[in-house]
Amino acid sequence: MAKSITSLCVGAAIKEGKIKSTNQLISDFLSEYKGSDIQIKHLLQMSGGIDFGENYRAPFGFMAKAYCGTDVYDLTLSKKSAKPAGVEWKYQGGNALLLSFIVQKATGKSLSNYFAERFWQPIGAEKDALWTLDMKEGKKRSYCCFYSNAIDFAEVGQLILDSGKVKGNELIGLDYFKASFSPVLLPDEFGNTVQH
């Protein structure tokens, strides 16, 4: 749910003109990636070429530090490109973290505040939602850990069923909505090309 919510926020920021398009370079928002060819769409498609290390058995690996550490921003930005962007699909939570930082830089609002304003309130959510932080007043763990209730989650589902609209009001552009459901036809790290 959290990664989908993060993607919705990217779509809303594009609709608002805060992000030009999914083809925009991430270095426009994150100077740590200056000189890289990674575009926002590569993070959305899990093909950024950054090897965060999605290994849940490594007690000192990226995911353990992301779940238990107190500085997910610096941890994430310390990872650099290992492969060219857009050539290999590899599921990694670090991509969602980078997208959340981009949304915050583009909109000037935290991911949770932006989501609340652009989606949670317009869908008429009945309850508050919670997002796990790396520390008090810190960064959201945008790859996971979004908590609320079934009824309001169903409202988010209805938003998707209605092609990104609430009561006829378009919250994300139709082109972005359609692209978000297009399969990523890239080989994985083992050379298998399947629909991701």
N, C-alpha and C. Protein backbone atom coordinates (compact mmCIF):
# COMPACT_ATOMS: atom_id res chain seq x y z
N MET A 1 0.83 -1.20 0.00
CA MET A 1 0.00 0.00 0.00
C MET A 1 0.87 1.26 0.00
N ALA A 2 1.95 1.25 0.79
CA ALA A 2 2.77 2.45 0.93
C ALA A 2 3.43 2.85 -0.40
N LYS A 3 3.92 1.89 -1.14
CA LYS A 3 4.56 2.22 -2.42
C LYS A 3 3.53 2.77 -3.42
N SER A 4 2.33 2.23 -3.39
CA SER A 4 1.27 2.74 -4.27
C SER A 4 0.89 4.17 -3.88
N ILE A 5 0.84 4.43 -2.59
CA ILE A 5 0.54 5.78 -2.10
C ILE A 5 1.63 6.75 -2.54
N THR A 6 2.87 6.31 -2.44
CA THR A 6 3.99 7.15 -2.87
C THR A 6 3.87 7.46 -4.36
N SER A 7 3.51 6.46 -5.15
CA SER A 7 3.32 6.66 -6.59
C SER A 7 2.19 7.63 -6.87
N LEU A 8 1.09 7.52 -6.12
CA LEU A 8 -0.01 8.47 -6.29
C LEU A 8 0.46 9.90 -6.05
N CYS A 9 1.31 10.08 -5.05
CA CYS A 9 1.83 11.42 -4.74
C CYS A 9 2.68 11.96 -5.88
N VAL A 10 3.47 11.09 -6.50
CA VAL A 10 4.25 11.51 -7.66
C VAL A 10 3.30 11.98 -8.76
N GLY A 11 2.25 11.20 -9.01
CA GLY A 11 1.27 11.57 -10.03
C GLY A 11 0.59 12.89 -9.74
N ALA A 12 0.27 13.13 -8.47
CA ALA A 12 -0.36 14.40 -8.10
C ALA A 12 0.60 15.57 -8.30
N ALA A 13 1.88 15.36 -7.97
CA ALA A 13 2.88 16.42 -8.14
C ALA A 13 3.09 16.73 -9.62
N ILE A 14 2.99 15.73 -10.48
CA ILE A 14 3.07 15.96 -11.92
C ILE A 14 1.85 16.75 -12.39
N LYS A 15 0.67 16.35 -11.92
CA LYS A 15 -0.55 17.06 -12.31
C LYS A 15 -0.49 18.52 -11.89
N GLU A 16 0.11 18.80 -10.74
CA GLU A 16 0.24 20.18 -10.24
C GLU A 16 1.36 20.96 -10.93
N GLY A 17 2.20 20.25 -11.70
CA GLY A 17 3.33 20.92 -12.34
C GLY A 17 4.54 21.07 -11.45
N LYS A 18 4.52 20.43 -10.30
CA LYS A 18 5.67 20.48 -9.37
C LYS A 18 6.79 19.57 -9.86
N ILE A 19 6.41 18.51 -10.56
CA ILE A 19 7.34 17.62 -11.25
C ILE A 19 6.95 17.70 -12.72
N LYS A 20 7.95 17.86 -13.61
CA LYS A 20 7.64 18.03 -15.03
C LYS A 20 7.00 16.79 -15.63
N SER A 21 7.60 15.64 -15.42
CA SER A 21 7.10 14.38 -15.96
C SER A 21 7.89 13.25 -15.33
N THR A 22 7.50 12.04 -15.65
CA THR A 22 8.26 10.89 -15.14
C THR A 22 9.62 10.79 -15.82
N ASN A 23 9.83 11.54 -16.91
CA ASN A 23 11.13 11.54 -17.58
C ASN A 23 12.13 12.50 -16.93
N GLN A 24 11.69 13.26 -15.95
CA GLN A 24 12.59 14.21 -15.29
C GLN A 24 13.67 13.47 -14.52
N LEU A 25 14.88 13.98 -14.58
CA LEU A 25 16.01 13.38 -13.87
C LEU A 25 15.84 13.56 -12.37
N ILE A 26 16.20 12.54 -11.61
CA ILE A 26 16.09 12.65 -10.15
C ILE A 26 17.11 13.64 -9.61
N SER A 27 18.17 13.89 -10.36
CA SER A 27 19.19 14.85 -9.92
C SER A 27 18.64 16.28 -9.87
N ASP A 28 17.53 16.54 -10.53
CA ASP A 28 16.90 17.86 -10.43
C ASP A 28 16.42 18.12 -9.00
N PHE A 29 16.21 17.06 -8.25
CA PHE A 29 15.73 17.16 -6.87
C PHE A 29 16.76 16.69 -5.85
N LEU A 30 17.59 15.74 -6.25
CA LEU A 30 18.57 15.15 -5.35
C LEU A 30 19.95 15.34 -5.96
N SER A 31 20.64 16.36 -5.50
CA SER A 31 21.95 16.70 -6.10
C SER A 31 22.97 15.59 -5.93
N GLU A 32 22.75 14.69 -4.99
CA GLU A 32 23.66 13.56 -4.79
C GLU A 32 23.75 12.67 -6.03
N TYR A 33 22.78 12.77 -6.91
CA TYR A 33 22.77 11.95 -8.12
C TYR A 33 23.10 12.77 -9.37
N LYS A 34 23.72 13.91 -9.17
CA LYS A 34 24.13 14.74 -10.30
C LYS A 34 25.04 13.93 -11.23
N GLY A 35 24.75 14.02 -12.51
CA GLY A 35 25.54 13.29 -13.50
C GLY A 35 24.97 11.91 -13.83
N SER A 36 23.99 11.45 -13.06
CA SER A 36 23.39 10.14 -13.37
C SER A 36 22.25 10.33 -14.37
N ASP A 37 21.88 9.24 -15.02
CA ASP A 37 20.80 9.30 -16.01
C ASP A 37 19.49 8.75 -15.45
N ILE A 38 19.38 8.64 -14.14
CA ILE A 38 18.20 8.05 -13.52
C ILE A 38 17.04 9.04 -13.60
N GLN A 39 15.95 8.58 -14.17
CA GLN A 39 14.73 9.37 -14.27
C GLN A 39 13.72 8.88 -13.23
N ILE A 40 12.74 9.71 -12.95
CA ILE A 40 11.71 9.34 -11.98
C ILE A 40 11.02 8.04 -12.40
N LYS A 41 10.78 7.86 -13.70
CA LYS A 41 10.12 6.64 -14.15
C LYS A 41 10.94 5.40 -13.81
N HIS A 42 12.26 5.53 -13.78
CA HIS A 42 13.09 4.37 -13.43
C HIS A 42 12.85 3.94 -11.99
N LEU A 43 12.68 4.89 -11.10
CA LEU A 43 12.38 4.55 -9.70
C LEU A 43 10.99 3.93 -9.59
N LEU A 44 10.02 4.50 -10.32
CA LEU A 44 8.66 3.95 -10.31
C LEU A 44 8.63 2.53 -10.86
N GLN A 45 9.49 2.24 -11.83
CA GLN A 45 9.52 0.92 -12.47
C GLN A 45 10.54 -0.02 -11.84
N MET A 46 11.14 0.38 -10.75
CA MET A 46 12.15 -0.44 -10.06
C MET A 46 13.30 -0.79 -11.00
N SER A 47 13.74 0.21 -11.77
CA SER A 47 14.84 -0.04 -12.71
C SER A 47 15.88 1.08 -12.65
N GLY A 48 16.07 1.65 -11.47
CA GLY A 48 17.00 2.78 -11.32
C GLY A 48 18.47 2.42 -11.42
N GLY A 49 18.80 1.14 -11.26
CA GLY A 49 20.18 0.72 -11.35
C GLY A 49 20.97 0.89 -10.06
N ILE A 50 20.31 1.32 -9.00
CA ILE A 50 20.96 1.46 -7.70
C ILE A 50 20.73 0.15 -6.94
N ASP A 51 21.80 -0.42 -6.41
CA ASP A 51 21.66 -1.67 -5.65
C ASP A 51 21.61 -1.34 -4.17
N PHE A 52 20.40 -1.19 -3.65
CA PHE A 52 20.23 -0.90 -2.23
C PHE A 52 20.51 -2.13 -1.38
N GLY A 53 20.18 -3.29 -1.91
CA GLY A 53 20.34 -4.52 -1.16
C GLY A 53 19.06 -4.88 -0.42
N GLU A 54 18.13 -5.46 -1.15
CA GLU A 54 16.83 -5.84 -0.57
C GLU A 54 16.97 -7.24 0.04
N ASN A 55 17.89 -7.37 0.98
CA ASN A 55 18.17 -8.64 1.61
C ASN A 55 17.71 -8.58 3.06
N TYR A 56 16.66 -9.32 3.36
CA TYR A 56 16.08 -9.27 4.70
C TYR A 56 16.79 -10.20 5.68
N ARG A 57 17.77 -10.95 5.22
CA ARG A 57 18.53 -11.84 6.10
C ARG A 57 19.85 -11.21 6.55
N ALA A 58 20.20 -10.07 5.98
CA ALA A 58 21.46 -9.42 6.33
C ALA A 58 21.23 -8.49 7.53
N PRO A 59 21.71 -8.84 8.72
CA PRO A 59 21.42 -8.03 9.91
C PRO A 59 22.03 -6.64 9.88
N PHE A 60 23.01 -6.40 9.00
CA PHE A 60 23.61 -5.07 8.90
C PHE A 60 23.42 -4.48 7.51
N GLY A 61 22.48 -5.06 6.74
CA GLY A 61 22.21 -4.60 5.38
C GLY A 61 21.33 -3.37 5.34
N PHE A 62 21.07 -2.91 4.14
CA PHE A 62 20.29 -1.69 3.92
C PHE A 62 18.92 -1.76 4.57
N MET A 63 18.19 -2.86 4.35
CA MET A 63 16.82 -2.94 4.87
C MET A 63 16.80 -2.97 6.40
N ALA A 64 17.73 -3.67 7.02
CA ALA A 64 17.80 -3.68 8.48
C ALA A 64 18.05 -2.28 9.01
N LYS A 65 18.95 -1.56 8.36
CA LYS A 65 19.24 -0.18 8.78
C LYS A 65 18.06 0.74 8.49
N ALA A 66 17.35 0.50 7.39
CA ALA A 66 16.19 1.33 7.05
C ALA A 66 15.07 1.12 8.07
N TYR A 67 14.85 -0.12 8.48
CA TYR A 67 13.80 -0.41 9.45
C TYR A 67 14.16 0.05 10.86
N CYS A 68 15.43 -0.09 11.24
CA CYS A 68 15.82 0.14 12.63
C CYS A 68 16.65 1.41 12.85
N GLY A 69 17.16 2.00 11.78
CA GLY A 69 18.02 3.16 11.92
C GLY A 69 17.25 4.45 12.11
N THR A 70 18.00 5.53 12.30
CA THR A 70 17.38 6.83 12.57
C THR A 70 17.71 7.88 11.52
N ASP A 71 18.28 7.48 10.40
CA ASP A 71 18.56 8.45 9.34
C ASP A 71 18.41 7.80 7.98
N VAL A 72 17.17 7.53 7.60
CA VAL A 72 16.90 6.82 6.36
C VAL A 72 17.27 7.68 5.14
N TYR A 73 17.27 9.00 5.31
CA TYR A 73 17.63 9.89 4.20
C TYR A 73 19.10 9.70 3.80
N ASP A 74 19.99 9.88 4.75
CA ASP A 74 21.42 9.73 4.43
C ASP A 74 21.76 8.29 4.04
N LEU A 75 21.13 7.34 4.70
CA LEU A 75 21.36 5.93 4.36
C LEU A 75 21.02 5.69 2.89
N THR A 76 19.87 6.17 2.46
CA THR A 76 19.42 5.94 1.09
C THR A 76 20.29 6.67 0.08
N LEU A 77 20.60 7.92 0.36
CA LEU A 77 21.39 8.71 -0.59
C LEU A 77 22.86 8.29 -0.64
N SER A 78 23.28 7.46 0.29
CA SER A 78 24.66 6.96 0.24
C SER A 78 24.83 5.89 -0.84
N LYS A 79 23.72 5.37 -1.35
CA LYS A 79 23.78 4.33 -2.38
C LYS A 79 23.87 4.97 -3.76
N LYS A 80 24.80 4.51 -4.54
CA LYS A 80 25.01 5.05 -5.89
C LYS A 80 24.66 4.02 -6.95
N SER A 81 24.65 4.47 -8.19
CA SER A 81 24.31 3.59 -9.31
C SER A 81 25.31 2.45 -9.42
N ALA A 82 24.77 1.25 -9.60
CA ALA A 82 25.60 0.07 -9.83
C ALA A 82 25.50 -0.38 -11.28
N LYS A 83 24.38 -0.03 -11.93
CA LYS A 83 24.12 -0.41 -13.32
C LYS A 83 23.43 0.75 -14.00
N PRO A 84 23.43 0.79 -15.32
CA PRO A 84 22.69 1.85 -16.02
C PRO A 84 21.19 1.78 -15.69
N ALA A 85 20.57 2.92 -15.67
CA ALA A 85 19.14 2.99 -15.38
C ALA A 85 18.32 2.47 -16.55
N GLY A 86 17.20 1.84 -16.24
CA GLY A 86 16.25 1.43 -17.26
C GLY A 86 16.58 0.15 -18.01
N VAL A 87 17.54 -0.63 -17.50
CA VAL A 87 17.89 -1.86 -18.21
C VAL A 87 17.59 -3.14 -17.43
N GLU A 88 17.38 -3.01 -16.10
CA GLU A 88 17.13 -4.20 -15.29
C GLU A 88 16.09 -3.89 -14.23
N TRP A 89 15.11 -4.78 -14.09
CA TRP A 89 14.10 -4.64 -13.04
C TRP A 89 14.61 -5.31 -11.78
N LYS A 90 14.55 -4.58 -10.68
CA LYS A 90 14.95 -5.17 -9.39
C LYS A 90 14.13 -4.51 -8.30
N TYR A 91 13.28 -5.30 -7.66
CA TYR A 91 12.40 -4.79 -6.62
C TYR A 91 13.22 -4.37 -5.40
N GLN A 92 13.12 -3.08 -5.04
CA GLN A 92 13.87 -2.58 -3.90
C GLN A 92 13.14 -1.41 -3.26
N GLY A 93 13.03 -1.45 -1.95
CA GLY A 93 12.36 -0.39 -1.22
C GLY A 93 13.04 0.96 -1.33
N GLY A 94 14.33 0.96 -1.57
CA GLY A 94 15.07 2.22 -1.69
C GLY A 94 14.53 3.12 -2.79
N ASN A 95 13.97 2.53 -3.84
CA ASN A 95 13.38 3.34 -4.91
C ASN A 95 12.21 4.17 -4.38
N ALA A 96 11.38 3.57 -3.54
CA ALA A 96 10.24 4.29 -2.95
C ALA A 96 10.72 5.40 -2.02
N LEU A 97 11.81 5.14 -1.29
CA LEU A 97 12.36 6.18 -0.43
C LEU A 97 12.82 7.38 -1.25
N LEU A 98 13.54 7.13 -2.34
CA LEU A 98 13.98 8.23 -3.19
C LEU A 98 12.79 9.01 -3.74
N LEU A 99 11.74 8.30 -4.14
CA LEU A 99 10.54 8.98 -4.64
C LEU A 99 9.92 9.87 -3.57
N SER A 100 9.91 9.41 -2.33
CA SER A 100 9.33 10.22 -1.25
C SER A 100 10.15 11.49 -1.03
N PHE A 101 11.48 11.38 -1.15
CA PHE A 101 12.33 12.57 -0.99
C PHE A 101 12.08 13.55 -2.14
N ILE A 102 11.87 13.01 -3.34
CA ILE A 102 11.59 13.86 -4.51
C ILE A 102 10.26 14.58 -4.33
N VAL A 103 9.24 13.86 -3.86
CA VAL A 103 7.94 14.50 -3.62
C VAL A 103 8.09 15.64 -2.62
N GLN A 104 8.85 15.41 -1.57
CA GLN A 104 9.03 16.45 -0.55
C GLN A 104 9.78 17.65 -1.12
N LYS A 105 10.82 17.40 -1.90
CA LYS A 105 11.58 18.52 -2.49
C LYS A 105 10.71 19.28 -3.51
N ALA A 106 9.92 18.54 -4.28
CA ALA A 106 9.10 19.17 -5.33
C ALA A 106 7.95 19.99 -4.76
N THR A 107 7.33 19.48 -3.69
CA THR A 107 6.11 20.11 -3.17
C THR A 107 6.36 20.99 -1.95
N GLY A 108 7.50 20.79 -1.29
CA GLY A 108 7.76 21.52 -0.05
C GLY A 108 6.98 20.97 1.13
N LYS A 109 6.37 19.79 0.96
CA LYS A 109 5.59 19.17 2.02
C LYS A 109 6.08 17.75 2.25
N SER A 110 5.96 17.28 3.47
CA SER A 110 6.31 15.89 3.74
C SER A 110 5.38 14.99 2.93
N LEU A 111 5.82 13.78 2.69
CA LEU A 111 5.03 12.83 1.92
C LEU A 111 3.66 12.63 2.57
N SER A 112 3.62 12.48 3.89
CA SER A 112 2.34 12.24 4.57
C SER A 112 1.42 13.45 4.50
N ASN A 113 1.97 14.65 4.67
CA ASN A 113 1.13 15.84 4.57
C ASN A 113 0.60 16.04 3.15
N TYR A 114 1.46 15.77 2.17
CA TYR A 114 1.03 15.91 0.78
C TYR A 114 -0.05 14.88 0.45
N PHE A 115 0.14 13.64 0.91
CA PHE A 115 -0.87 12.61 0.66
C PHE A 115 -2.19 12.96 1.35
N ALA A 116 -2.10 13.46 2.57
CA ALA A 116 -3.32 13.84 3.29
C ALA A 116 -4.09 14.92 2.54
N GLU A 117 -3.36 15.92 2.07
CA GLU A 117 -3.99 17.05 1.38
C GLU A 117 -4.55 16.66 0.02
N ARG A 118 -3.78 15.90 -0.74
CA ARG A 118 -4.16 15.61 -2.12
C ARG A 118 -5.08 14.39 -2.27
N PHE A 119 -5.07 13.46 -1.27
CA PHE A 119 -5.85 12.22 -1.41
C PHE A 119 -6.70 11.88 -0.19
N TRP A 120 -6.11 11.82 0.99
CA TRP A 120 -6.82 11.34 2.17
C TRP A 120 -8.05 12.18 2.48
N GLN A 121 -7.89 13.50 2.40
CA GLN A 121 -9.03 14.38 2.64
C GLN A 121 -10.04 14.34 1.48
N PRO A 122 -9.60 14.42 0.22
CA PRO A 122 -10.58 14.37 -0.88
C PRO A 122 -11.39 13.08 -0.95
N ILE A 123 -10.81 11.93 -0.54
CA ILE A 123 -11.59 10.69 -0.59
C ILE A 123 -12.56 10.61 0.59
N GLY A 124 -12.45 11.55 1.52
CA GLY A 124 -13.35 11.55 2.67
C GLY A 124 -12.98 10.51 3.71
N ALA A 125 -11.68 10.28 3.90
CA ALA A 125 -11.24 9.29 4.89
C ALA A 125 -11.83 9.61 6.26
N GLU A 126 -12.28 8.57 6.93
CA GLU A 126 -12.94 8.74 8.23
C GLU A 126 -11.96 8.77 9.39
N LYS A 127 -10.84 8.11 9.25
CA LYS A 127 -9.87 7.98 10.35
C LYS A 127 -8.52 8.55 9.92
N ASP A 128 -7.71 8.86 10.92
CA ASP A 128 -6.34 9.25 10.65
C ASP A 128 -5.55 8.03 10.19
N ALA A 129 -4.45 8.30 9.53
CA ALA A 129 -3.54 7.24 9.13
C ALA A 129 -2.19 7.51 9.80
N LEU A 130 -1.40 6.48 9.93
CA LEU A 130 -0.07 6.60 10.53
C LEU A 130 0.97 6.05 9.58
N TRP A 131 2.13 6.67 9.60
CA TRP A 131 3.25 6.20 8.78
C TRP A 131 4.46 6.11 9.70
N THR A 132 5.15 4.99 9.69
CA THR A 132 6.32 4.83 10.55
C THR A 132 7.42 5.77 10.09
N LEU A 133 8.07 6.40 11.07
CA LEU A 133 9.16 7.34 10.81
C LEU A 133 10.48 6.73 11.26
N ASP A 134 11.57 7.28 10.73
CA ASP A 134 12.89 6.81 11.17
C ASP A 134 13.27 7.39 12.53
N MET A 135 12.65 8.50 12.90
CA MET A 135 12.82 9.11 14.21
C MET A 135 11.69 10.11 14.40
N LYS A 136 11.53 10.61 15.60
CA LYS A 136 10.48 11.59 15.86
C LYS A 136 10.66 12.79 14.93
N GLU A 137 9.58 13.18 14.24
CA GLU A 137 9.60 14.27 13.26
C GLU A 137 10.54 13.96 12.08
N GLY A 138 10.83 12.69 11.85
CA GLY A 138 11.79 12.29 10.82
C GLY A 138 11.13 11.97 9.48
N LYS A 139 11.83 11.17 8.70
CA LYS A 139 11.38 10.78 7.35
C LYS A 139 10.49 9.54 7.42
N LYS A 140 9.54 9.50 6.48
CA LYS A 140 8.64 8.34 6.37
C LYS A 140 9.39 7.17 5.76
N ARG A 141 9.03 5.99 6.22
CA ARG A 141 9.53 4.78 5.58
C ARG A 141 8.53 4.45 4.46
N SER A 142 8.72 5.11 3.34
CA SER A 142 7.72 5.09 2.27
C SER A 142 7.63 3.77 1.52
N TYR A 143 8.50 2.84 1.82
CA TYR A 143 8.45 1.53 1.19
C TYR A 143 7.50 0.60 1.96
N CYS A 144 7.05 1.04 3.13
CA CYS A 144 6.20 0.18 3.96
C CYS A 144 5.47 1.01 5.01
N CYS A 145 4.84 0.30 5.92
CA CYS A 145 4.49 0.81 7.24
C CYS A 145 3.49 1.96 7.24
N PHE A 146 2.51 1.89 6.36
CA PHE A 146 1.40 2.85 6.34
C PHE A 146 0.20 2.15 6.95
N TYR A 147 -0.35 2.73 8.01
CA TYR A 147 -1.40 2.06 8.78
C TYR A 147 -2.68 2.90 8.83
N SER A 148 -3.80 2.21 8.63
CA SER A 148 -5.08 2.86 8.84
C SER A 148 -6.14 1.78 8.99
N ASN A 149 -7.27 1.95 8.34
CA ASN A 149 -8.38 1.03 8.52
C ASN A 149 -8.92 0.57 7.16
N ALA A 150 -9.66 -0.52 7.19
CA ALA A 150 -10.12 -1.14 5.95
C ALA A 150 -11.04 -0.23 5.15
N ILE A 151 -11.92 0.50 5.80
CA ILE A 151 -12.88 1.34 5.07
C ILE A 151 -12.15 2.43 4.27
N ASP A 152 -11.20 3.09 4.90
CA ASP A 152 -10.48 4.16 4.19
C ASP A 152 -9.54 3.59 3.13
N PHE A 153 -8.96 2.42 3.40
CA PHE A 153 -8.17 1.76 2.35
C PHE A 153 -9.06 1.43 1.16
N ALA A 154 -10.30 1.03 1.44
CA ALA A 154 -11.24 0.74 0.34
C ALA A 154 -11.53 2.00 -0.47
N GLU A 155 -11.55 3.16 0.18
CA GLU A 155 -11.75 4.42 -0.54
C GLU A 155 -10.58 4.70 -1.48
N VAL A 156 -9.37 4.36 -1.04
CA VAL A 156 -8.21 4.50 -1.94
C VAL A 156 -8.37 3.54 -3.11
N GLY A 157 -8.82 2.33 -2.82
CA GLY A 157 -9.09 1.37 -3.89
C GLY A 157 -10.13 1.88 -4.87
N GLN A 158 -11.17 2.53 -4.35
CA GLN A 158 -12.20 3.09 -5.22
C GLN A 158 -11.63 4.20 -6.10
N LEU A 159 -10.72 4.98 -5.54
CA LEU A 159 -10.04 6.02 -6.32
C LEU A 159 -9.35 5.39 -7.54
N ILE A 160 -8.70 4.25 -7.31
CA ILE A 160 -8.02 3.56 -8.41
C ILE A 160 -9.05 3.01 -9.40
N LEU A 161 -10.11 2.41 -8.89
CA LEU A 161 -11.15 1.89 -9.78
C LEU A 161 -11.77 2.99 -10.63
N ASP A 162 -11.78 4.21 -10.09
CA ASP A 162 -12.33 5.37 -10.80
C ASP A 162 -11.26 6.14 -11.58
N SER A 163 -10.17 5.46 -11.91
CA SER A 163 -9.09 6.03 -12.75
C SER A 163 -8.49 7.31 -12.17
N GLY A 164 -8.34 7.35 -10.84
CA GLY A 164 -7.70 8.50 -10.21
C GLY A 164 -8.61 9.67 -9.97
N LYS A 165 -9.92 9.42 -9.99
CA LYS A 165 -10.90 10.50 -9.79
C LYS A 165 -11.72 10.27 -8.52
N VAL A 166 -12.13 11.36 -7.91
CA VAL A 166 -13.05 11.32 -6.78
C VAL A 166 -14.21 12.26 -7.11
N LYS A 167 -15.41 11.71 -7.20
CA LYS A 167 -16.60 12.50 -7.54
C LYS A 167 -16.37 13.31 -8.82
N GLY A 168 -15.71 12.68 -9.80
CA GLY A 168 -15.44 13.33 -11.07
C GLY A 168 -14.23 14.25 -11.08
N ASN A 169 -13.65 14.50 -9.91
CA ASN A 169 -12.49 15.37 -9.80
C ASN A 169 -11.21 14.55 -9.99
N GLU A 170 -10.44 14.89 -11.01
CA GLU A 170 -9.22 14.15 -11.35
C GLU A 170 -8.09 14.53 -10.39
N LEU A 171 -7.63 13.55 -9.58
CA LEU A 171 -6.55 13.80 -8.62
C LEU A 171 -5.18 13.53 -9.22
N ILE A 172 -5.13 12.63 -10.18
CA ILE A 172 -3.92 12.39 -10.97
C ILE A 172 -4.33 12.35 -12.43
N GLY A 173 -3.40 12.69 -13.30
CA GLY A 173 -3.71 12.70 -14.73
C GLY A 173 -3.97 11.31 -15.27
N LEU A 174 -4.83 11.21 -16.26
CA LEU A 174 -5.18 9.92 -16.84
C LEU A 174 -3.98 9.23 -17.47
N ASP A 175 -3.10 10.00 -18.12
CA ASP A 175 -1.91 9.39 -18.73
C ASP A 175 -1.02 8.74 -17.67
N TYR A 176 -0.83 9.44 -16.55
CA TYR A 176 -0.02 8.88 -15.46
C TYR A 176 -0.71 7.64 -14.90
N PHE A 177 -2.00 7.74 -14.71
CA PHE A 177 -2.76 6.60 -14.18
C PHE A 177 -2.58 5.37 -15.07
N LYS A 178 -2.77 5.54 -16.39
CA LYS A 178 -2.63 4.40 -17.31
C LYS A 178 -1.21 3.85 -17.31
N ALA A 179 -0.22 4.74 -17.30
CA ALA A 179 1.18 4.30 -17.32
C ALA A 179 1.52 3.50 -16.06
N SER A 180 0.88 3.84 -14.95
CA SER A 180 1.20 3.14 -13.70
C SER A 180 0.73 1.69 -13.71
N PHE A 181 -0.13 1.34 -14.66
CA PHE A 181 -0.60 -0.03 -14.77
C PHE A 181 0.04 -0.76 -15.96
N SER A 182 0.96 -0.11 -16.63
CA SER A 182 1.64 -0.75 -17.76
C SER A 182 2.74 -1.66 -17.23
N PRO A 183 2.86 -2.87 -17.78
CA PRO A 183 3.91 -3.77 -17.30
C PRO A 183 5.30 -3.24 -17.65
N VAL A 184 6.24 -3.57 -16.80
CA VAL A 184 7.64 -3.23 -17.04
C VAL A 184 8.28 -4.46 -17.67
N LEU A 185 8.62 -4.37 -18.93
CA LEU A 185 9.16 -5.53 -19.66
C LEU A 185 10.67 -5.44 -19.71
N LEU A 186 11.29 -5.59 -18.57
CA LEU A 186 12.75 -5.58 -18.46
C LEU A 186 13.21 -6.88 -17.82
N PRO A 187 14.39 -7.35 -18.15
CA PRO A 187 14.89 -8.55 -17.49
C PRO A 187 15.19 -8.25 -16.03
N ASP A 188 15.04 -9.28 -15.18
CA ASP A 188 15.43 -9.12 -13.79
C ASP A 188 16.92 -9.41 -13.65
N GLU A 189 17.42 -9.42 -12.45
CA GLU A 189 18.86 -9.61 -12.23
C GLU A 189 19.35 -10.99 -12.67
N PHE A 190 18.43 -11.92 -12.89
CA PHE A 190 18.80 -13.26 -13.33
C PHE A 190 18.62 -13.44 -14.84
N GLY A 191 18.23 -12.35 -15.53
CA GLY A 191 18.07 -12.40 -16.97
C GLY A 191 16.69 -12.85 -17.43
N ASN A 192 15.77 -13.06 -16.50
CA ASN A 192 14.40 -13.46 -16.85
C ASN A 192 13.56 -12.24 -17.17
N THR A 193 12.95 -12.23 -18.34
CA THR A 193 12.06 -11.14 -18.69
C THR A 193 10.63 -11.60 -18.45
N VAL A 194 10.03 -10.99 -17.45
CA VAL A 194 8.63 -11.27 -17.12
C VAL A 194 7.94 -9.93 -16.93
N GLN A 195 6.64 -9.95 -16.88
CA GLN A 195 5.91 -8.71 -16.63
C GLN A 195 5.97 -8.39 -15.15
N HIS A 196 6.51 -7.22 -14.85
CA HIS A 196 6.61 -6.79 -13.45
C HIS A 196 5.60 -5.69 -13.22
